[in-house]
Amino acid sequence: MPAGRRIALSGAKYTDCRMNEKISDMAGINERNEESQAVLRMIANALEEHENWLQRWHRAVVCGTEPDREIVSDQAKFLGPFGSWLALNDNDGLLDQPVFSELGAAHTDMHEFGRLLALRAVDGKPIPPEDYEAFITKVNPFNSVARRIRDAFQQATTQLDPLTGIHNRQTMMLELELERERALRTGTPLCIVLADIDHFKAVNDTHGHAAGDAVLRAVAGSYLSHLRPYDSIYRYGGEEFLLSLPNADEDTAFKVVERLREALGREEIAVNGSDRLSVTSSFGLCMVEDERSIKQTIEQADQALYAAKRNGRNRSVIWRPGLELDS
């Protein structure tokens, strides 16, 4: 995956699965994807937990019931699931972002001030209106930051293919259009590539769909580990992948694709425990030009891919005018 794509969280940055460093294997991608899903679940739970805590706080302060430890303990911020999770994962790279520091500070501030007011109520002392207003102003930032993080993670995870961990087609066309505009504006080359796993149906038919899934993950990982840091890859559908190769003329793009093709051919993929499979891929390449749209470029890359399949598979073909007419 290419470097540097980041999700803005109102000024803070969260690096998504198209990380600011190239990931060299699918284990890393799937692990990061699972971490993102775990963070999303925890933030969603934190909002619910926070609402429950606030209700208990109001019940204790307003109704005079005895507050629980999560309200009056000097360690209150660590006692709930979210506070303990945040403390345990303080050094995790995924949470090493300014927005999580902001969330942690809001969480601490809210709990510490809420504790002081609750203890005041326990002692039978009235809470001045200005102190209550100050408490509410500490509650709101936690809600606001948590919702920003939740929404950003939801957006990021819906853009990922759950099987391979790479991006799906949801944002593909928009990103390709932006790449095309940049290439035409700067006069730099851009190549679109369609890749297809050869004889993939036979893998499913012979070894089962679990083996097919393992092959898809392994192929995506192999491609990723041999792409340049600024290249993009998408799960196009089924066993097809789409690659975007910026700053790559025909010769450079062909060399990149051949590197991917040859590397995949050397790999043995573990399926169904101890079984090992070798698979190959075919590639169709088409250069982006001013006179054709991204949609047309993809269609012509598909024609080149079809030619590669028709001519024996496990090869790369560059689109040329008239290629679609070849028998």
C-alpha atoms as a PDB file:
ATOM      1  CA  MET A   1       0.000   0.000   0.000  1.00  0.00           C
ATOM      2  CA  PRO A   2       1.204   3.479  -0.698  1.00  0.00           C
ATOM      3  CA  ALA A   3       2.579   5.706   1.955  1.00  0.00           C
ATOM      4  CA  GLY A   4       1.053   8.719   3.536  1.00  0.00           C
ATOM      5  CA  ARG A   5      -2.720   8.345   3.248  1.00  0.00           C
ATOM      6  CA  ARG A   6      -4.099   9.569   6.549  1.00  0.00           C
ATOM      7  CA  ILE A   7      -7.524  10.177   8.000  1.00  0.00           C
ATOM      8  CA  ALA A   8      -8.030  13.687   9.375  1.00  0.00           C
ATOM      9  CA  LEU A   9      -9.664  13.888  12.803  1.00  0.00           C
ATOM     10  CA  SER A  10     -10.316  17.619  13.063  1.00  0.00           C
ATOM     11  CA  GLY A  11      -6.658  18.491  12.880  1.00  0.00           C
ATOM     12  CA  ALA A  12      -5.342  15.260  14.370  1.00  0.00           C
ATOM     13  CA  LYS A  13      -4.218  12.456  12.115  1.00  0.00           C
ATOM     14  CA  TYR A  14      -4.966   8.767  12.167  1.00  0.00           C
ATOM     15  CA  THR A  15      -3.012   6.590   9.789  1.00  0.00           C
ATOM     16  CA  ASP A  16      -5.293   3.975   8.223  1.00  0.00           C
ATOM     17  CA  CYS A  17      -4.465   0.680   6.574  1.00  0.00           C
ATOM     18  CA  ARG A  18      -2.817   2.369   3.655  1.00  0.00           C
ATOM     19  CA  MET A  19      -0.104   3.172   6.108  1.00  0.00           C
ATOM     20  CA  ASN A  20       2.723   5.689   6.230  1.00  0.00           C
ATOM     21  CA  GLU A  21       5.029   2.723   5.775  1.00  0.00           C
ATOM     22  CA  LYS A  22       4.704  -0.090   3.249  1.00  0.00           C
ATOM     23  CA  ILE A  23       3.425  -3.279   4.844  1.00  0.00           C
ATOM     24  CA  SER A  24       5.322  -6.243   3.529  1.00  0.00           C
ATOM     25  CA  ASP A  25       3.014  -9.131   4.360  1.00  0.00           C
ATOM     26  CA  MET A  26      -0.644  -9.938   4.862  1.00  0.00           C
ATOM     27  CA  ALA A  27      -0.153 -10.873   8.515  1.00  0.00           C
ATOM     28  CA  GLY A  28       0.732  -7.243   9.201  1.00  0.00           C
ATOM     29  CA  ILE A  29      -2.219  -5.940   7.212  1.00  0.00           C
ATOM     30  CA  ASN A  30      -4.753  -8.264   8.787  1.00  0.00           C
ATOM     31  CA  GLU A  31      -3.367  -7.520  12.244  1.00  0.00           C
ATOM     32  CA  ARG A  32      -3.696  -3.781  11.624  1.00  0.00           C
ATOM     33  CA  ASN A  33      -7.187  -4.219  10.239  1.00  0.00           C
ATOM     34  CA  GLU A  34      -8.185  -6.208  13.333  1.00  0.00           C
ATOM     35  CA  GLU A  35      -6.675  -3.492  15.543  1.00  0.00           C
ATOM     36  CA  SER A  36      -8.746  -0.869  13.747  1.00  0.00           C
ATOM     37  CA  GLN A  37     -11.892  -2.932  14.257  1.00  0.00           C
ATOM     38  CA  ALA A  38     -11.007  -3.367  17.942  1.00  0.00           C
ATOM     39  CA  VAL A  39     -10.503   0.379  18.386  1.00  0.00           C
ATOM     40  CA  LEU A  40     -13.823   1.064  16.664  1.00  0.00           C
ATOM     41  CA  ARG A  41     -15.619  -1.344  19.013  1.00  0.00           C
ATOM     42  CA  MET A  42     -13.913   0.121  22.074  1.00  0.00           C
ATOM     43  CA  ILE A  43     -14.746   3.720  21.143  1.00  0.00           C
ATOM     44  CA  ALA A  44     -18.381   2.784  20.487  1.00  0.00           C
ATOM     45  CA  ASN A  45     -18.482   1.005  23.861  1.00  0.00           C
ATOM     46  CA  ALA A  46     -16.772   3.981  25.524  1.00  0.00           C
ATOM     47  CA  LEU A  47     -19.558   6.311  24.420  1.00  0.00           C
ATOM     48  CA  GLU A  48     -22.165   3.949  25.881  1.00  0.00           C
ATOM     49  CA  GLU A  49     -20.108   3.434  29.048  1.00  0.00           C
ATOM     50  CA  HIS A  50     -19.677   7.192  29.425  1.00  0.00           C
ATOM     51  CA  GLU A  51     -23.425   7.813  29.151  1.00  0.00           C
ATOM     52  CA  ASN A  52     -24.059   5.173  31.817  1.00  0.00           C
ATOM     53  CA  TRP A  53     -21.380   6.686  34.097  1.00  0.00           C
ATOM     54  CA  LEU A  54     -22.882  10.165  33.704  1.00  0.00           C
ATOM     55  CA  GLN A  55     -26.355   8.882  34.625  1.00  0.00           C
ATOM     56  CA  ARG A  56     -24.947   7.231  37.768  1.00  0.00           C
ATOM     57  CA  TRP A  57     -23.078  10.428  38.623  1.00  0.00           C
ATOM     58  CA  HIS A  58     -26.250  12.517  38.360  1.00  0.00           C
ATOM     59  CA  ARG A  59     -28.233   9.974  40.386  1.00  0.00           C
ATOM     60  CA  ALA A  60     -25.659  10.090  43.173  1.00  0.00           C
ATOM     61  CA  VAL A  61     -25.300  13.870  43.187  1.00  0.00           C
ATOM     62  CA  VAL A  62     -28.947  14.821  42.652  1.00  0.00           C
ATOM     63  CA  CYS A  63     -30.719  12.004  44.520  1.00  0.00           C
ATOM     64  CA  GLY A  64     -28.168  11.578  47.283  1.00  0.00           C
ATOM     65  CA  THR A  65     -27.553   7.866  46.649  1.00  0.00           C
ATOM     66  CA  GLU A  66     -24.159   6.476  47.549  1.00  0.00           C
ATOM     67  CA  PRO A  67     -21.813   6.876  44.554  1.00  0.00           C
ATOM     68  CA  ASP A  68     -19.914   3.832  43.338  1.00  0.00           C
ATOM     69  CA  ARG A  69     -16.127   3.521  43.130  1.00  0.00           C
ATOM     70  CA  GLU A  70     -16.032   4.510  39.448  1.00  0.00           C
ATOM     71  CA  ILE A  71     -17.241   7.936  40.577  1.00  0.00           C
ATOM     72  CA  VAL A  72     -15.416   8.671  43.861  1.00  0.00           C
ATOM     73  CA  SER A  73     -12.203   6.613  43.743  1.00  0.00           C
ATOM     74  CA  ASP A  74      -8.979   8.527  43.122  1.00  0.00           C
ATOM     75  CA  GLN A  75      -8.353   5.834  40.475  1.00  0.00           C
ATOM     76  CA  ALA A  76     -11.822   6.254  38.951  1.00  0.00           C
ATOM     77  CA  LYS A  77     -10.556   6.953  35.449  1.00  0.00           C
ATOM     78  CA  PHE A  78      -8.907   3.503  35.336  1.00  0.00           C
ATOM     79  CA  LEU A  79     -11.814   1.488  36.745  1.00  0.00           C
ATOM     80  CA  GLY A  80     -14.082   1.435  33.710  1.00  0.00           C
ATOM     81  CA  PRO A  81     -13.353  -0.746  30.652  1.00  0.00           C
ATOM     82  CA  PHE A  82     -12.396   2.232  28.487  1.00  0.00           C
ATOM     83  CA  GLY A  83     -10.041   3.818  31.026  1.00  0.00           C
ATOM     84  CA  SER A  84      -8.230   0.545  31.683  1.00  0.00           C
ATOM     85  CA  TRP A  85      -7.998  -0.168  27.937  1.00  0.00           C
ATOM     86  CA  LEU A  86      -6.556   3.284  27.262  1.00  0.00           C
ATOM     87  CA  ALA A  87      -3.949   2.850  30.010  1.00  0.00           C
ATOM     88  CA  LEU A  88      -2.942  -0.651  28.896  1.00  0.00           C
ATOM     89  CA  ASN A  89      -2.533   0.431  25.270  1.00  0.00           C
ATOM     90  CA  ASP A  90      -0.840   3.744  25.962  1.00  0.00           C
ATOM     91  CA  ASN A  91       2.303   2.753  24.044  1.00  0.00           C
ATOM     92  CA  ASP A  92       0.519   1.111  21.118  1.00  0.00           C
ATOM     93  CA  GLY A  93       1.504   2.647  17.791  1.00  0.00           C
ATOM     94  CA  LEU A  94      -2.083   2.816  16.619  1.00  0.00           C
ATOM     95  CA  LEU A  95      -2.973   5.008  19.602  1.00  0.00           C
ATOM     96  CA  ASP A  96       0.155   7.149  19.306  1.00  0.00           C
ATOM     97  CA  GLN A  97      -1.816   9.960  17.697  1.00  0.00           C
ATOM     98  CA  PRO A  98      -2.602  13.436  19.052  1.00  0.00           C
ATOM     99  CA  VAL A  99      -6.340  12.808  18.960  1.00  0.00           C
ATOM    100  CA  PHE A 100      -6.025   9.894  21.401  1.00  0.00           C
ATOM    101  CA  SER A 101      -4.003  12.096  23.751  1.00  0.00           C
ATOM    102  CA  GLU A 102      -6.824  14.633  23.494  1.00  0.00           C
ATOM    103  CA  LEU A 103      -9.391  11.938  24.275  1.00  0.00           C
ATOM    104  CA  GLY A 104      -7.370  10.646  27.234  1.00  0.00           C
ATOM    105  CA  ALA A 105      -6.979  14.151  28.651  1.00  0.00           C
ATOM    106  CA  ALA A 106     -10.722  14.804  28.332  1.00  0.00           C
ATOM    107  CA  HIS A 107     -11.454  11.458  30.021  1.00  0.00           C
ATOM    108  CA  THR A 108      -9.107  12.245  32.928  1.00  0.00           C
ATOM    109  CA  ASP A 109     -10.358  15.809  33.362  1.00  0.00           C
ATOM    110  CA  MET A 110     -13.990  14.699  33.376  1.00  0.00           C
ATOM    111  CA  HIS A 111     -13.455  11.922  35.940  1.00  0.00           C
ATOM    112  CA  GLU A 112     -11.257  13.939  38.301  1.00  0.00           C
ATOM    113  CA  PHE A 113     -13.557  16.959  38.411  1.00  0.00           C
ATOM    114  CA  GLY A 114     -16.640  14.734  38.609  1.00  0.00           C
ATOM    115  CA  ARG A 115     -15.083  12.929  41.578  1.00  0.00           C
ATOM    116  CA  LEU A 116     -14.491  16.186  43.465  1.00  0.00           C
ATOM    117  CA  LEU A 117     -18.080  17.310  42.952  1.00  0.00           C
ATOM    118  CA  ALA A 118     -19.473  13.898  43.939  1.00  0.00           C
ATOM    119  CA  LEU A 119     -17.428  13.901  47.162  1.00  0.00           C
ATOM    120  CA  ARG A 120     -18.735  17.382  47.903  1.00  0.00           C
ATOM    121  CA  ALA A 121     -22.295  16.106  47.495  1.00  0.00           C
ATOM    122  CA  VAL A 122     -21.545  13.104  49.748  1.00  0.00           C
ATOM    123  CA  ASP A 123     -20.456  15.556  52.469  1.00  0.00           C
ATOM    124  CA  GLY A 124     -23.818  17.293  52.136  1.00  0.00           C
ATOM    125  CA  LYS A 125     -22.378  20.432  50.589  1.00  0.00           C
ATOM    126  CA  PRO A 126     -24.203  22.121  47.714  1.00  0.00           C
ATOM    127  CA  ILE A 127     -22.531  22.259  44.336  1.00  0.00           C
ATOM    128  CA  PRO A 128     -22.271  25.834  43.045  1.00  0.00           C
ATOM    129  CA  PRO A 129     -23.925  26.329  39.639  1.00  0.00           C
ATOM    130  CA  GLU A 130     -20.662  27.525  38.125  1.00  0.00           C
ATOM    131  CA  ASP A 131     -18.932  24.287  39.214  1.00  0.00           C
ATOM    132  CA  TYR A 132     -21.697  22.196  37.677  1.00  0.00           C
ATOM    133  CA  GLU A 133     -21.431  24.188  34.445  1.00  0.00           C
ATOM    134  CA  ALA A 134     -17.662  23.660  34.492  1.00  0.00           C
ATOM    135  CA  PHE A 135     -18.233  19.915  34.880  1.00  0.00           C
ATOM    136  CA  ILE A 136     -20.578  19.822  31.877  1.00  0.00           C
ATOM    137  CA  THR A 137     -17.997  21.690  29.784  1.00  0.00           C
ATOM    138  CA  LYS A 138     -15.556  18.884  30.648  1.00  0.00           C
ATOM    139  CA  VAL A 139     -18.064  16.190  29.680  1.00  0.00           C
ATOM    140  CA  ASN A 140     -18.767  17.575  26.217  1.00  0.00           C
ATOM    141  CA  PRO A 141     -15.181  17.414  24.855  1.00  0.00           C
ATOM    142  CA  PHE A 142     -14.975  13.695  25.644  1.00  0.00           C
ATOM    143  CA  ASN A 143     -18.174  13.023  23.707  1.00  0.00           C
ATOM    144  CA  SER A 144     -17.062  15.191  20.809  1.00  0.00           C
ATOM    145  CA  VAL A 145     -13.589  13.661  20.425  1.00  0.00           C
ATOM    146  CA  ALA A 146     -14.849  10.092  20.871  1.00  0.00           C
ATOM    147  CA  ARG A 147     -17.465  10.584  18.157  1.00  0.00           C
ATOM    148  CA  ARG A 148     -14.879  12.043  15.780  1.00  0.00           C
ATOM    149  CA  ILE A 149     -12.647   9.009  16.276  1.00  0.00           C
ATOM    150  CA  ARG A 150     -15.564   6.601  15.931  1.00  0.00           C
ATOM    151  CA  ASP A 151     -16.742   8.206  12.698  1.00  0.00           C
ATOM    152  CA  ALA A 152     -13.238   8.225  11.200  1.00  0.00           C
ATOM    153  CA  PHE A 153     -12.644   4.558  12.040  1.00  0.00           C
ATOM    154  CA  GLN A 154     -16.052   3.619  10.658  1.00  0.00           C
ATOM    155  CA  GLN A 155     -15.232   5.357   7.397  1.00  0.00           C
ATOM    156  CA  ALA A 156     -11.801   3.734   7.204  1.00  0.00           C
ATOM    157  CA  THR A 157     -12.986   0.203   7.923  1.00  0.00           C
ATOM    158  CA  THR A 158     -15.854   0.357   5.423  1.00  0.00           C
ATOM    159  CA  GLN A 159     -13.320   1.188   2.711  1.00  0.00           C
ATOM    160  CA  LEU A 160     -11.342  -1.998   3.365  1.00  0.00           C
ATOM    161  CA  ASP A 161     -11.901  -5.420   1.887  1.00  0.00           C
ATOM    162  CA  PRO A 162     -12.435  -7.605   4.977  1.00  0.00           C
ATOM    163  CA  LEU A 163     -10.722 -10.640   3.455  1.00  0.00           C
ATOM    164  CA  THR A 164      -7.480  -9.120   2.185  1.00  0.00           C
ATOM    165  CA  GLY A 165      -7.268  -5.922   4.230  1.00  0.00           C
ATOM    166  CA  ILE A 166      -6.636  -3.794   1.133  1.00  0.00           C
ATOM    167  CA  HIS A 167      -8.940  -1.096  -0.148  1.00  0.00           C
ATOM    168  CA  ASN A 168     -12.135  -2.026  -1.920  1.00  0.00           C
ATOM    169  CA  ARG A 169     -13.885  -0.261  -4.787  1.00  0.00           C
ATOM    170  CA  GLN A 170     -15.774   2.174  -2.561  1.00  0.00           C
ATOM    171  CA  THR A 171     -13.293   5.032  -3.005  1.00  0.00           C
ATOM    172  CA  MET A 172     -11.324   3.609  -5.916  1.00  0.00           C
ATOM    173  CA  MET A 173     -12.806   5.677  -8.745  1.00  0.00           C
ATOM    174  CA  LEU A 174     -12.491   8.944  -6.837  1.00  0.00           C
ATOM    175  CA  GLU A 175      -8.860   8.237  -5.986  1.00  0.00           C
ATOM    176  CA  LEU A 176      -8.068   7.187  -9.558  1.00  0.00           C
ATOM    177  CA  GLU A 177      -9.699  10.350 -10.903  1.00  0.00           C
ATOM    178  CA  LEU A 178      -7.536  12.427  -8.571  1.00  0.00           C
ATOM    179  CA  GLU A 179      -4.421  10.543  -9.699  1.00  0.00           C
ATOM    180  CA  ARG A 180      -5.374  11.088 -13.336  1.00  0.00           C
ATOM    181  CA  GLU A 181      -5.884  14.824 -12.795  1.00  0.00           C
ATOM    182  CA  ARG A 182      -2.525  15.077 -11.041  1.00  0.00           C
ATOM    183  CA  ALA A 183      -0.748  13.149 -13.797  1.00  0.00           C
ATOM    184  CA  LEU A 184      -2.255  15.279 -16.568  1.00  0.00           C
ATOM    185  CA  ARG A 185      -1.595  18.501 -14.669  1.00  0.00           C
ATOM    186  CA  THR A 186       2.050  17.687 -13.954  1.00  0.00           C
ATOM    187  CA  GLY A 187       2.767  15.873 -17.199  1.00  0.00           C
ATOM    188  CA  THR A 188       3.843  12.710 -15.386  1.00  0.00           C
ATOM    189  CA  PRO A 189       2.879   9.201 -16.520  1.00  0.00           C
ATOM    190  CA  LEU A 190       0.289   7.024 -14.818  1.00  0.00           C
ATOM    191  CA  CYS A 191      -0.430   3.371 -15.545  1.00  0.00           C
ATOM    192  CA  ILE A 192      -3.550   1.405 -14.593  1.00  0.00           C
ATOM    193  CA  VAL A 193      -3.156  -2.358 -14.232  1.00  0.00           C
ATOM    194  CA  LEU A 194      -5.686  -5.155 -13.858  1.00  0.00           C
ATOM    195  CA  ALA A 195      -4.381  -8.381 -12.334  1.00  0.00           C
ATOM    196  CA  ASP A 196      -6.189 -11.721 -12.272  1.00  0.00           C
ATOM    197  CA  ILE A 197      -5.220 -14.953 -10.505  1.00  0.00           C
ATOM    198  CA  ASP A 198      -4.871 -17.724 -13.074  1.00  0.00           C
ATOM    199  CA  HIS A 199      -7.097 -20.813 -12.703  1.00  0.00           C
ATOM    200  CA  PHE A 200      -8.582 -19.494  -9.469  1.00  0.00           C
ATOM    201  CA  LYS A 201     -11.840 -21.389  -9.970  1.00  0.00           C
ATOM    202  CA  ALA A 202      -9.858 -24.630  -9.984  1.00  0.00           C
ATOM    203  CA  VAL A 203      -8.403 -23.719  -6.585  1.00  0.00           C
ATOM    204  CA  ASN A 204     -11.895 -23.329  -5.129  1.00  0.00           C
ATOM    205  CA  ASP A 205     -13.232 -26.438  -6.852  1.00  0.00           C
ATOM    206  CA  THR A 206     -10.301 -28.650  -5.861  1.00  0.00           C
ATOM    207  CA  HIS A 207      -9.300 -27.358  -2.448  1.00  0.00           C
ATOM    208  CA  GLY A 208     -12.401 -25.529  -1.204  1.00  0.00           C
ATOM    209  CA  HIS A 209     -13.322 -21.919  -0.583  1.00  0.00           C
ATOM    210  CA  ALA A 210     -11.178 -21.637   2.549  1.00  0.00           C
ATOM    211  CA  ALA A 211      -8.158 -22.404   0.389  1.00  0.00           C
ATOM    212  CA  GLY A 212      -9.380 -19.847  -2.138  1.00  0.00           C
ATOM    213  CA  ASP A 213      -9.541 -17.227   0.606  1.00  0.00           C
ATOM    214  CA  ALA A 214      -6.011 -18.108   1.709  1.00  0.00           C
ATOM    215  CA  VAL A 215      -4.799 -17.691  -1.869  1.00  0.00           C
ATOM    216  CA  LEU A 216      -6.486 -14.286  -2.198  1.00  0.00           C
ATOM    217  CA  ARG A 217      -4.853 -13.080   1.018  1.00  0.00           C
ATOM    218  CA  ALA A 218      -1.458 -14.403  -0.002  1.00  0.00           C
ATOM    219  CA  VAL A 219      -1.618 -12.910  -3.500  1.00  0.00           C
ATOM    220  CA  ALA A 220      -2.618  -9.503  -2.114  1.00  0.00           C
ATOM    221  CA  GLY A 221       0.274  -9.720   0.349  1.00  0.00           C
ATOM    222  CA  SER A 222       2.717 -10.694  -2.386  1.00  0.00           C
ATOM    223  CA  TYR A 223       1.644  -7.778  -4.565  1.00  0.00           C
ATOM    224  CA  LEU A 224       1.934  -5.355  -1.664  1.00  0.00           C
ATOM    225  CA  SER A 225       5.415  -6.459  -0.724  1.00  0.00           C
ATOM    226  CA  HIS A 226       6.699  -5.868  -4.262  1.00  0.00           C
ATOM    227  CA  LEU A 227       4.921  -2.628  -5.133  1.00  0.00           C
ATOM    228  CA  ARG A 228       6.625   0.723  -4.788  1.00  0.00           C
ATOM    229  CA  PRO A 229       5.725   2.721  -1.646  1.00  0.00           C
ATOM    230  CA  TYR A 230       3.531   5.186  -3.558  1.00  0.00           C
ATOM    231  CA  ASP A 231       1.617   2.648  -5.685  1.00  0.00           C
ATOM    232  CA  SER A 232      -2.024   1.830  -4.898  1.00  0.00           C
ATOM    233  CA  ILE A 233      -3.853  -1.494  -4.904  1.00  0.00           C
ATOM    234  CA  TYR A 234      -7.571  -2.301  -4.717  1.00  0.00           C
ATOM    235  CA  ARG A 235      -9.622  -5.482  -4.528  1.00  0.00           C
ATOM    236  CA  TYR A 236     -11.460  -5.044  -7.831  1.00  0.00           C
ATOM    237  CA  GLY A 237     -13.748  -8.042  -7.472  1.00  0.00           C
ATOM    238  CA  GLY A 238     -13.485 -11.817  -7.228  1.00  0.00           C
ATOM    239  CA  GLU A 239      -9.885 -12.757  -7.969  1.00  0.00           C
ATOM    240  CA  GLU A 240      -9.112  -9.460  -9.718  1.00  0.00           C
ATOM    241  CA  PHE A 241      -7.039  -6.595  -8.356  1.00  0.00           C
ATOM    242  CA  LEU A 242      -6.509  -3.105  -9.730  1.00  0.00           C
ATOM    243  CA  LEU A 243      -3.165  -1.342  -9.415  1.00  0.00           C
ATOM    244  CA  SER A 244      -2.416   2.340  -9.900  1.00  0.00           C
ATOM    245  CA  LEU A 245       1.230   3.070 -10.742  1.00  0.00           C
ATOM    246  CA  PRO A 246       1.983   6.815 -10.671  1.00  0.00           C
ATOM    247  CA  ASN A 247       5.173   8.197 -12.220  1.00  0.00           C
ATOM    248  CA  ALA A 248       5.524   5.014 -14.258  1.00  0.00           C
ATOM    249  CA  ASP A 249       5.896   5.091 -18.031  1.00  0.00           C
ATOM    250  CA  GLU A 250       5.261   1.918 -20.040  1.00  0.00           C
ATOM    251  CA  ASP A 251       8.745   0.546 -19.480  1.00  0.00           C
ATOM    252  CA  THR A 252       8.748   1.243 -15.736  1.00  0.00           C
ATOM    253  CA  ALA A 253       5.202  -0.041 -15.270  1.00  0.00           C
ATOM    254  CA  PHE A 254       5.979  -3.235 -17.160  1.00  0.00           C
ATOM    255  CA  LYS A 255       9.050  -3.845 -14.976  1.00  0.00           C
ATOM    256  CA  VAL A 256       7.014  -3.292 -11.796  1.00  0.00           C
ATOM    257  CA  VAL A 257       4.313  -5.692 -12.958  1.00  0.00           C
ATOM    258  CA  GLU A 258       6.825  -8.310 -14.066  1.00  0.00           C
ATOM    259  CA  ARG A 259       8.436  -8.119 -10.636  1.00  0.00           C
ATOM    260  CA  LEU A 260       5.041  -8.848  -9.078  1.00  0.00           C
ATOM    261  CA  ARG A 261       4.305 -11.669 -11.502  1.00  0.00           C
ATOM    262  CA  GLU A 262       7.676 -13.384 -11.060  1.00  0.00           C
ATOM    263  CA  ALA A 263       7.658 -13.030  -7.271  1.00  0.00           C
ATOM    264  CA  LEU A 264       4.214 -14.593  -6.991  1.00  0.00           C
ATOM    265  CA  GLY A 265       5.268 -17.501  -9.186  1.00  0.00           C
ATOM    266  CA  ARG A 266       8.071 -18.335  -6.752  1.00  0.00           C
ATOM    267  CA  GLU A 267       5.843 -18.463  -3.686  1.00  0.00           C
ATOM    268  CA  GLU A 268       4.212 -21.471  -2.083  1.00  0.00           C
ATOM    269  CA  ILE A 269       0.938 -20.661  -0.361  1.00  0.00           C
ATOM    270  CA  ALA A 270      -0.139 -22.627   2.695  1.00  0.00           C
ATOM    271  CA  VAL A 271      -3.734 -23.857   2.446  1.00  0.00           C
ATOM    272  CA  ASN A 272      -5.731 -26.341   4.516  1.00  0.00           C
ATOM    273  CA  GLY A 273      -2.978 -26.796   7.050  1.00  0.00           C
ATOM    274  CA  SER A 274      -0.004 -28.529   5.466  1.00  0.00           C
ATOM    275  CA  ASP A 275      -0.958 -28.238   1.785  1.00  0.00           C
ATOM    276  CA  ARG A 276       1.069 -25.909  -0.424  1.00  0.00           C
ATOM    277  CA  LEU A 277      -0.068 -24.296  -3.656  1.00  0.00           C
ATOM    278  CA  SER A 278       1.710 -22.287  -6.302  1.00  0.00           C
ATOM    279  CA  VAL A 279      -0.341 -19.825  -8.328  1.00  0.00           C
ATOM    280  CA  THR A 280       0.342 -17.350 -11.104  1.00  0.00           C
ATOM    281  CA  SER A 281      -1.266 -14.129 -12.268  1.00  0.00           C
ATOM    282  CA  SER A 282      -1.944 -12.413 -15.564  1.00  0.00           C
ATOM    283  CA  PHE A 283      -1.746  -8.645 -15.976  1.00  0.00           C
ATOM    284  CA  GLY A 284      -3.202  -6.076 -18.356  1.00  0.00           C
ATOM    285  CA  LEU A 285      -1.660  -2.605 -18.460  1.00  0.00           C
ATOM    286  CA  CYS A 286      -2.951   0.650 -19.936  1.00  0.00           C
ATOM    287  CA  MET A 287      -1.428   4.116 -19.762  1.00  0.00           C
ATOM    288  CA  VAL A 288      -3.610   7.039 -18.738  1.00  0.00           C
ATOM    289  CA  GLU A 289      -4.019   9.522 -21.579  1.00  0.00           C
ATOM    290  CA  ASP A 290      -5.771  12.870 -21.869  1.00  0.00           C
ATOM    291  CA  GLU A 291      -8.239  11.621 -24.477  1.00  0.00           C
ATOM    292  CA  ARG A 292      -9.654   8.735 -22.420  1.00  0.00           C
ATOM    293  CA  SER A 293     -11.374   8.613 -19.066  1.00  0.00           C
ATOM    294  CA  ILE A 294     -10.424   6.410 -16.138  1.00  0.00           C
ATOM    295  CA  LYS A 295     -13.379   4.171 -16.993  1.00  0.00           C
ATOM    296  CA  GLN A 296     -12.087   3.761 -20.560  1.00  0.00           C
ATOM    297  CA  THR A 297      -8.558   3.163 -19.278  1.00  0.00           C
ATOM    298  CA  ILE A 298      -9.796   0.366 -17.010  1.00  0.00           C
ATOM    299  CA  GLU A 299     -11.751  -1.161 -19.903  1.00  0.00           C
ATOM    300  CA  GLN A 300      -8.623  -1.161 -22.066  1.00  0.00           C
ATOM    301  CA  ALA A 301      -6.536  -2.638 -19.250  1.00  0.00           C
ATOM    302  CA  ASP A 302      -9.195  -5.349 -19.083  1.00  0.00           C
ATOM    303  CA  GLN A 303      -8.782  -5.992 -22.821  1.00  0.00           C
ATOM    304  CA  ALA A 304      -5.036  -6.349 -22.289  1.00  0.00           C
ATOM    305  CA  LEU A 305      -5.692  -8.728 -19.388  1.00  0.00           C
ATOM    306  CA  TYR A 306      -7.971 -10.802 -21.605  1.00  0.00           C
ATOM    307  CA  ALA A 307      -5.193 -10.965 -24.207  1.00  0.00           C
ATOM    308  CA  ALA A 308      -2.768 -12.181 -21.533  1.00  0.00           C
ATOM    309  CA  LYS A 309      -5.231 -14.902 -20.535  1.00  0.00           C
ATOM    310  CA  ARG A 310      -5.925 -15.870 -24.118  1.00  0.00           C
ATOM    311  CA  ASN A 311      -2.230 -16.164 -24.929  1.00  0.00           C
ATOM    312  CA  GLY A 312      -1.371 -18.639 -22.196  1.00  0.00           C
ATOM    313  CA  ARG A 313      -1.731 -16.802 -18.852  1.00  0.00           C
ATOM    314  CA  ASN A 314       1.085 -15.951 -16.437  1.00  0.00           C
ATOM    315  CA  ARG A 315       2.124 -13.001 -18.552  1.00  0.00           C
ATOM    316  CA  SER A 316       1.764  -9.229 -18.810  1.00  0.00           C
ATOM    317  CA  VAL A 317       0.284  -7.413 -21.800  1.00  0.00           C
ATOM    318  CA  ILE A 318       0.256  -3.674 -22.535  1.00  0.00           C
ATOM    319  CA  TRP A 319      -2.831  -2.333 -24.285  1.00  0.00           C
ATOM    320  CA  ARG A 320      -2.376  -1.178 -27.865  1.00  0.00           C
ATOM    321  CA  PRO A 321      -4.971   0.201 -30.322  1.00  0.00           C
ATOM    322  CA  GLY A 322      -6.609  -2.702 -32.119  1.00  0.00           C
ATOM    323  CA  LEU A 323      -5.865  -5.171 -29.329  1.00  0.00           C
ATOM    324  CA  GLU A 324      -9.585  -5.716 -28.769  1.00  0.00           C
ATOM    325  CA  LEU A 325      -9.894  -6.858 -32.388  1.00  0.00           C
ATOM    326  CA  ASP A 326      -7.212  -9.541 -32.124  1.00  0.00           C
ATOM    327  CA  SER A 327      -8.489 -13.085 -32.299  1.00  0.00           C
END
